């Protein structure tokens, strides 16, 4: 029931807008954090301790290597561009990094650990990646990346039970997509209703 309720709240959030979306966002976050605390888990059991941190650090240089290659390809192709928005790049990147770590918490510490109690650990990793992929509908870039990267992250978590390095790697790869994939394709990393709203704005805005 917790898995279904959390996933439904997240879907409701991404398919709404304005104040409704903001309220649903905070409701979803409170539900996920609250139901986690209600079980009174040990930090190390939900990936927030130090156990497994050292053995997962390799994902950070791996993400940096992928990011470097993507930046080089984008530079050669002429698609490299600044981050969207008026915020300073450091502020934007720091905020996204915090959000990336929280996403990893939702993916691994919430969905994966609950699914693991119901099915095999390997199948739980695949199902968690599937849920992670679904909440990025209909963005085609994020759908593909999140299915593969989400499954890989779940496999790393399954072995080492730590989310910190995974969150940093997530931030690196997410920012790389934002910088290298043309905006008209990834639409400022939007999902759900925001993805279509971006399309509508691009079509009807004069000289847009």
Protein backbone atom coordinates (compact mmCIF):
# COMPACT_ATOMS: atom_id res chain seq x y z
CA UNK A 1 0.00 0.00 0.00
CA UNK A 2 2.87 2.39 0.75
CA UNK A 3 4.44 1.68 -2.63
CA UNK A 4 1.19 2.31 -4.47
CA UNK A 5 0.27 5.42 -2.46
CA UNK A 6 3.72 7.03 -2.88
CA UNK A 7 3.81 6.29 -6.60
CA UNK A 8 0.25 7.63 -7.06
CA UNK A 9 1.13 10.85 -5.23
CA UNK A 10 4.22 11.34 -7.38
CA UNK A 11 2.21 10.75 -10.56
CA UNK A 12 -0.47 13.18 -9.39
CA UNK A 13 2.25 15.76 -8.75
CA UNK A 14 3.88 15.56 -12.16
CA UNK A 15 0.52 15.63 -13.96
CA UNK A 16 -0.68 18.77 -12.19
CA UNK A 17 0.46 22.38 -12.26
CA UNK A 18 0.61 25.61 -10.28
CA UNK A 19 -0.35 25.65 -6.60
CA UNK A 20 -1.91 22.20 -6.85
CA UNK A 21 1.39 20.76 -8.00
CA UNK A 22 3.28 22.53 -5.22
CA UNK A 23 0.89 21.19 -2.57
CA UNK A 24 1.07 17.68 -4.00
CA UNK A 25 4.87 17.88 -4.10
CA UNK A 26 5.08 18.63 -0.39
CA UNK A 27 2.39 16.07 0.40
CA UNK A 28 4.33 13.41 -1.51
CA UNK A 29 7.58 14.30 0.24
CA UNK A 30 5.91 14.28 3.66
CA UNK A 31 4.25 10.93 2.96
CA UNK A 32 7.51 9.31 1.84
CA UNK A 33 9.55 10.71 4.73
CA UNK A 34 6.78 10.13 7.27
CA UNK A 35 6.13 6.50 6.34
CA UNK A 36 9.86 5.88 6.35
CA UNK A 37 10.25 7.28 9.87
CA UNK A 38 7.17 5.34 11.03
CA UNK A 39 9.07 2.07 10.49
CA UNK A 40 11.93 3.40 12.65
CA UNK A 41 14.70 1.99 10.43
CA UNK A 42 18.41 2.22 11.15
CA UNK A 43 20.16 4.74 8.90
CA UNK A 44 22.53 2.12 7.53
CA UNK A 45 19.60 -0.07 6.52
CA UNK A 46 18.10 2.62 4.28
CA UNK A 47 21.36 3.74 2.69
CA UNK A 48 21.97 6.82 4.85
CA UNK A 49 24.83 5.49 6.96
CA UNK A 50 28.48 5.05 6.10
CA UNK A 51 28.28 1.36 5.30
CA UNK A 52 28.97 0.77 1.63
CA UNK A 53 30.02 4.37 0.93
CA UNK A 54 33.62 3.57 0.04
CA UNK A 55 32.66 0.70 -2.23
CA UNK A 56 30.25 2.89 -4.20
CA UNK A 57 32.54 5.87 -4.77
CA UNK A 58 33.59 4.49 -8.16
CA UNK A 59 30.25 5.59 -9.62
CA UNK A 60 31.31 9.26 -9.33
CA UNK A 61 34.39 9.08 -11.62
CA UNK A 62 32.38 6.79 -13.90
CA UNK A 63 29.67 9.45 -14.18
CA UNK A 64 32.30 12.13 -14.75
CA UNK A 65 33.82 10.07 -17.57
CA UNK A 66 30.42 9.71 -19.24
CA UNK A 67 29.75 13.42 -18.72
CA UNK A 68 33.10 14.40 -20.25
CA UNK A 69 32.48 12.26 -23.31
CA UNK A 70 28.97 13.69 -23.71
CA UNK A 71 30.27 17.26 -23.38
CA UNK A 72 32.91 16.65 -26.04
CA UNK A 73 30.37 15.15 -28.42
CA UNK A 74 27.94 18.02 -27.79
CA UNK A 75 30.68 20.58 -28.34
CA UNK A 76 31.60 18.98 -31.65
CA UNK A 77 27.93 18.75 -32.65
CA UNK A 78 27.19 22.33 -31.60
CA UNK A 79 24.49 21.38 -29.07
CA UNK A 80 26.33 22.42 -25.90
CA UNK A 81 24.38 25.19 -24.17
CA UNK A 82 23.99 26.89 -20.74
CA UNK A 83 21.62 25.66 -18.04
CA UNK A 84 18.04 26.88 -18.32
CA UNK A 85 16.84 29.63 -15.99
CA UNK A 86 18.08 32.80 -14.35
CA UNK A 87 19.72 31.16 -11.33
CA UNK A 88 23.49 31.18 -11.09
CA UNK A 89 25.03 27.92 -12.37
CA UNK A 90 26.41 27.03 -8.92
CA UNK A 91 23.05 27.66 -7.25
CA UNK A 92 21.25 25.70 -9.95
CA UNK A 93 23.70 22.80 -9.74
CA UNK A 94 23.66 22.64 -5.93
CA UNK A 95 19.88 22.66 -5.82
CA UNK A 96 19.71 19.92 -8.42
CA UNK A 97 22.28 17.83 -6.53
CA UNK A 98 20.12 17.92 -3.39
CA UNK A 99 17.10 16.93 -5.47
CA UNK A 100 19.10 14.12 -7.11
CA UNK A 101 20.04 12.63 -3.73
CA UNK A 102 16.40 12.76 -2.64
CA UNK A 103 15.37 11.02 -5.85
CA UNK A 104 17.84 8.25 -5.06
CA UNK A 105 16.31 8.00 -1.60
CA UNK A 106 12.88 7.56 -3.16
CA UNK A 107 14.14 5.04 -5.70
CA UNK A 108 16.34 2.89 -3.46
CA UNK A 109 15.54 3.61 0.17
CA UNK A 110 11.80 3.67 -0.41
CA UNK A 111 10.67 1.72 -3.46
CA UNK A 112 13.47 -0.82 -3.75
CA UNK A 113 13.55 -1.75 -0.05
CA UNK A 114 9.80 -2.24 0.03
CA UNK A 115 9.69 -4.23 -3.20
CA UNK A 116 12.58 -6.34 -1.91
CA UNK A 117 10.32 -7.57 0.91
CA UNK A 118 7.73 -8.75 -1.60
CA UNK A 119 9.82 -10.19 -4.43
CA UNK A 120 13.40 -11.25 -5.16
CA UNK A 121 16.11 -8.60 -4.88
CA UNK A 122 17.02 -8.79 -8.57
CA UNK A 123 13.40 -8.43 -9.66
CA UNK A 124 12.94 -5.62 -7.11
CA UNK A 125 15.79 -3.73 -8.78
CA UNK A 126 14.14 -4.09 -12.18
CA UNK A 127 10.68 -3.12 -10.91
CA UNK A 128 12.08 -0.09 -9.07
CA UNK A 129 13.81 1.05 -12.25
CA UNK A 130 10.50 0.59 -14.07
CA UNK A 131 8.70 2.84 -11.58
CA UNK A 132 11.51 5.39 -11.86
CA UNK A 133 11.13 5.29 -15.63
CA UNK A 134 7.34 5.73 -15.49
CA UNK A 135 7.49 8.91 -13.43
CA UNK A 136 9.54 10.47 -16.24
CA UNK A 137 6.82 9.92 -18.87
CA UNK A 138 6.57 11.30 -21.55
CA UNK A 139 10.12 12.73 -21.84
CA UNK A 140 11.81 10.33 -24.31
CA UNK A 141 15.36 11.19 -23.26
CA UNK A 142 14.70 10.72 -19.55
CA UNK A 143 12.66 7.56 -20.13
CA UNK A 144 15.59 5.78 -21.74
CA UNK A 145 18.25 7.15 -19.39
CA UNK A 146 16.22 6.56 -16.22
CA UNK A 147 15.34 2.97 -17.10
CA UNK A 148 18.97 1.98 -17.64
CA UNK A 149 20.59 4.25 -15.04
CA UNK A 150 17.84 3.49 -12.52
CA UNK A 151 18.38 -0.25 -12.90
CA UNK A 152 22.16 0.14 -12.61
CA UNK A 153 21.77 2.33 -9.50
CA UNK A 154 19.46 -0.25 -7.92
CA UNK A 155 21.97 -2.99 -8.63
CA UNK A 156 24.74 -0.97 -6.97
CA UNK A 157 22.47 -0.25 -4.01
CA UNK A 158 21.43 -3.89 -3.81
CA UNK A 159 25.05 -4.84 -3.21
CA UNK A 160 26.30 -1.93 -1.10
CA UNK A 161 23.29 -0.19 0.52
CA UNK A 162 24.39 3.43 0.24
CA UNK A 163 22.79 6.29 -1.73
CA UNK A 164 25.26 9.19 -1.37
CA UNK A 165 27.59 8.46 -4.29
CA UNK A 166 24.61 7.39 -6.38
CA UNK A 167 22.98 10.76 -5.71
CA UNK A 168 26.09 12.65 -6.80
CA UNK A 169 26.40 10.53 -9.94
CA UNK A 170 22.72 11.19 -10.64
CA UNK A 171 23.34 14.94 -10.35
CA UNK A 172 26.34 14.78 -12.69
CA UNK A 173 24.45 12.86 -15.36
CA UNK A 174 21.29 14.95 -15.02
CA UNK A 175 23.17 18.21 -15.42
CA UNK A 176 25.03 16.70 -18.37
CA UNK A 177 21.74 15.96 -20.13
CA UNK A 178 20.55 19.51 -19.41
CA UNK A 179 23.75 20.94 -20.95
CA UNK A 180 24.22 18.67 -23.94
CA UNK A 181 20.80 17.62 -25.26
CA UNK A 182 19.01 20.39 -27.18
CA UNK A 183 16.18 22.04 -25.25
CA UNK A 184 13.59 21.26 -27.90
CA UNK A 185 14.26 17.56 -27.29
CA UNK A 186 14.64 17.32 -23.51
CA UNK A 187 12.43 20.38 -22.83
CA UNK A 188 14.34 21.59 -19.77
CA UNK A 189 14.12 18.09 -18.21
CA UNK A 190 10.38 18.42 -17.75
CA UNK A 191 8.09 15.44 -17.26
CA UNK A 192 4.36 14.90 -17.05
CA UNK A 193 2.14 17.89 -17.77
CA UNK A 194 5.13 20.25 -17.79
CA UNK A 195 6.54 18.43 -20.82
CA UNK A 196 3.42 19.20 -22.86
CA UNK A 197 3.09 22.72 -21.49
CA UNK A 198 6.60 23.47 -22.74
CA UNK A 199 5.58 22.25 -26.20
CA UNK A 200 2.47 24.44 -26.22
CA UNK A 201 4.46 27.49 -25.13
CA UNK A 202 7.01 26.93 -27.87
CA UNK A 203 4.29 26.72 -30.50
CA UNK A 204 2.12 29.71 -29.55
CA UNK A 205 4.73 32.21 -28.34
CA UNK A 206 5.60 34.75 -31.09
CA UNK A 207 9.20 34.61 -32.21
CA UNK A 208 9.74 31.74 -29.70
